Amino acid sequence: MGIGEHFEGVKAHWAQNFGFLDYFKKVYGRDKPLPKWSDADVQEFIASDPIYGPQLKALRESRKFALGGALVGGAHLGGVALKYSKSPHGIVLATGFGALCGAVVGSEVAEHWYQLYKTDKQGANLRFIYWWEDKVAGNQKS
């Protein structure tokens, strides 16, 4: 194996590892941003795409678990800090840390509840972005 072949292998390896950057370029690296979409637009996509629609719906539902976990975690750790701490900034930090930990735990619960580990989360979001681009540009088949 020559140096050129080795370099191509390394380049392909790192391109695969940083493939998620294509998503960010598509979503955030635009000259002119896409207009905001509404919940009705998302529901229209969910109804129109039999593969990625249910995945996007599950992703949107999973946010409730993260929010609930954040509320429970923040209230719990904030309450403990309120009871035992003498410093207000400690209470604020404990509440924030509890909310962060609760959101992570809630996200993990949602991951298993909706079996999101079986889905292509990035693909579902990108498919929605492509669909929204086509709809805004008027290129969509009705």
Protein backbone atom coordinates (compact mmCIF):
# COMPACT_ATOMS: atom_id res chain seq x y z
CA MET A 1 0.00 0.00 0.00
CA GLY A 2 1.38 3.34 -1.03
CA ILE A 3 1.25 6.67 0.71
CA GLY A 4 -1.53 7.91 -1.58
CA GLU A 5 -3.76 4.92 -0.81
CA HIS A 6 -3.14 5.33 2.90
CA PHE A 7 -3.98 9.03 2.71
CA GLU A 8 -7.23 8.27 0.87
CA GLY A 9 -8.17 5.73 3.54
CA VAL A 10 -7.48 8.20 6.33
CA LYS A 11 -9.43 10.89 4.47
CA ALA A 12 -12.43 8.56 4.03
CA HIS A 13 -12.27 7.58 7.69
CA TRP A 14 -12.37 11.18 8.92
CA ALA A 15 -15.04 12.13 6.39
CA GLN A 16 -17.22 9.41 7.88
CA ASN A 17 -16.45 10.49 11.45
CA PHE A 18 -17.34 14.11 10.70
CA GLY A 19 -20.36 13.30 8.52
CA PHE A 20 -22.61 15.08 11.00
CA LEU A 21 -21.14 18.39 9.79
CA ASP A 22 -23.09 17.97 6.54
CA TYR A 23 -26.26 18.25 8.61
CA PHE A 24 -25.12 21.50 10.20
CA LYS A 25 -24.08 22.91 6.82
CA LYS A 26 -27.52 22.10 5.43
CA VAL A 27 -29.42 23.52 8.38
CA TYR A 28 -27.27 26.43 9.58
CA GLY A 29 -24.82 27.21 6.78
CA ARG A 30 -27.24 29.01 4.47
CA ASP A 31 -26.95 32.37 2.81
CA LYS A 32 -30.68 32.97 3.21
CA PRO A 33 -32.34 31.15 6.13
CA LEU A 34 -35.48 29.13 5.62
CA PRO A 35 -38.67 30.71 6.96
CA LYS A 36 -40.04 29.38 10.24
CA TRP A 37 -42.37 26.42 10.04
CA SER A 38 -45.43 25.82 12.16
CA ASP A 39 -46.72 22.73 13.93
CA ALA A 40 -49.23 22.33 11.10
CA ASP A 41 -46.35 22.12 8.61
CA VAL A 42 -44.66 19.44 10.69
CA GLN A 43 -47.93 17.49 10.94
CA GLU A 44 -48.31 17.74 7.16
CA PHE A 45 -44.82 16.27 6.73
CA ILE A 46 -45.56 13.50 9.23
CA ALA A 47 -48.71 12.59 7.29
CA SER A 48 -46.96 12.75 3.91
CA ASP A 49 -43.81 10.70 4.61
CA PRO A 50 -44.49 7.09 5.63
CA ILE A 51 -40.88 6.38 6.65
CA TYR A 52 -39.49 9.54 8.24
CA GLY A 53 -42.84 10.98 9.36
CA PRO A 54 -43.37 8.58 12.28
CA GLN A 55 -39.72 8.97 13.24
CA LEU A 56 -40.04 12.75 13.36
CA LYS A 57 -43.26 12.42 15.35
CA ALA A 58 -41.51 10.21 17.92
CA LEU A 59 -38.63 12.70 18.12
CA ARG A 60 -41.04 15.54 18.80
CA GLU A 61 -42.86 13.49 21.44
CA SER A 62 -39.57 12.63 23.16
CA ARG A 63 -39.02 16.29 24.03
CA LYS A 64 -41.80 16.00 26.62
CA PHE A 65 -39.78 13.39 28.52
CA ALA A 66 -36.70 15.64 28.57
CA LEU A 67 -38.77 18.61 29.74
CA GLY A 68 -40.46 16.55 32.44
CA GLY A 69 -37.12 15.19 33.60
CA ALA A 70 -35.67 18.70 33.72
CA LEU A 71 -38.57 19.94 35.83
CA VAL A 72 -38.36 17.01 38.26
CA GLY A 73 -34.56 17.11 38.50
CA GLY A 74 -34.42 20.86 38.97
CA ALA A 75 -37.20 20.87 41.55
CA HIS A 76 -35.67 17.99 43.48
CA LEU A 77 -32.06 19.15 43.61
CA GLY A 78 -33.12 22.78 44.03
CA GLY A 79 -35.37 21.78 46.93
CA VAL A 80 -32.59 19.85 48.62
CA ALA A 81 -30.23 22.79 48.19
CA LEU A 82 -32.88 25.18 49.50
CA LYS A 83 -33.29 23.06 52.61
CA TYR A 84 -29.59 22.60 53.37
CA SER A 85 -27.72 25.44 51.68
CA LYS A 86 -27.01 28.86 53.10
CA SER A 87 -26.03 30.46 49.79
CA PRO A 88 -28.50 31.64 47.12
CA HIS A 89 -26.05 31.06 44.29
CA GLY A 90 -25.62 27.46 45.46
CA ILE A 91 -29.37 26.96 45.21
CA VAL A 92 -29.39 28.37 41.67
CA LEU A 93 -26.46 26.18 40.63
CA ALA A 94 -28.01 23.09 42.19
CA THR A 95 -31.33 23.77 40.46
CA GLY A 96 -29.59 24.21 37.11
CA PHE A 97 -27.52 21.05 37.56
CA GLY A 98 -30.58 19.09 38.63
CA ALA A 99 -32.49 20.31 35.58
CA LEU A 100 -29.60 19.35 33.31
CA CYS A 101 -29.30 15.87 34.82
CA GLY A 102 -33.07 15.40 34.74
CA ALA A 103 -33.21 16.38 31.07
CA VAL A 104 -30.50 13.85 30.23
CA VAL A 105 -32.27 11.10 32.15
CA GLY A 106 -35.59 12.06 30.55
CA SER A 107 -34.00 11.93 27.11
CA GLU A 108 -32.65 8.45 27.83
CA VAL A 109 -36.07 7.29 29.02
CA ALA A 110 -37.60 8.65 25.81
CA GLU A 111 -34.86 6.94 23.78
CA HIS A 112 -36.08 3.58 25.09
CA TRP A 113 -39.78 4.41 25.40
CA TYR A 114 -40.04 5.37 21.73
CA GLN A 115 -37.20 3.05 20.64
CA LEU A 116 -35.37 5.98 19.10
CA TYR A 117 -32.17 3.96 19.03
CA LYS A 118 -33.69 2.12 16.05
CA THR A 119 -34.35 5.32 14.09
CA ASP A 120 -32.24 7.64 12.02
CA LYS A 121 -32.78 10.86 13.98
CA GLN A 122 -30.51 12.99 11.83
CA GLY A 123 -32.00 11.52 8.66
CA ALA A 124 -35.55 12.28 9.80
CA ASN A 125 -34.65 15.89 10.59
CA LEU A 126 -32.78 16.31 7.31
CA ARG A 127 -35.66 14.79 5.33
CA PHE A 128 -37.97 17.33 6.95
CA ILE A 129 -35.59 20.15 6.05
CA TYR A 130 -35.47 18.96 2.41
CA TRP A 131 -39.27 18.70 2.37
CA TRP A 132 -39.60 22.21 3.85
CA GLU A 133 -37.16 23.61 1.28
CA ASP A 134 -39.23 22.11 -1.54
CA LYS A 135 -42.48 23.37 -0.04
CA VAL A 136 -41.17 26.91 0.43
CA ALA A 137 -39.72 26.95 -3.10
CA GLY A 138 -43.01 25.63 -4.53
CA ASN A 139 -41.37 22.50 -5.98
CA GLN A 140 -43.54 20.09 -4.05
CA LYS A 141 -45.84 17.61 -5.73
CA SER A 142 -49.37 17.77 -4.32
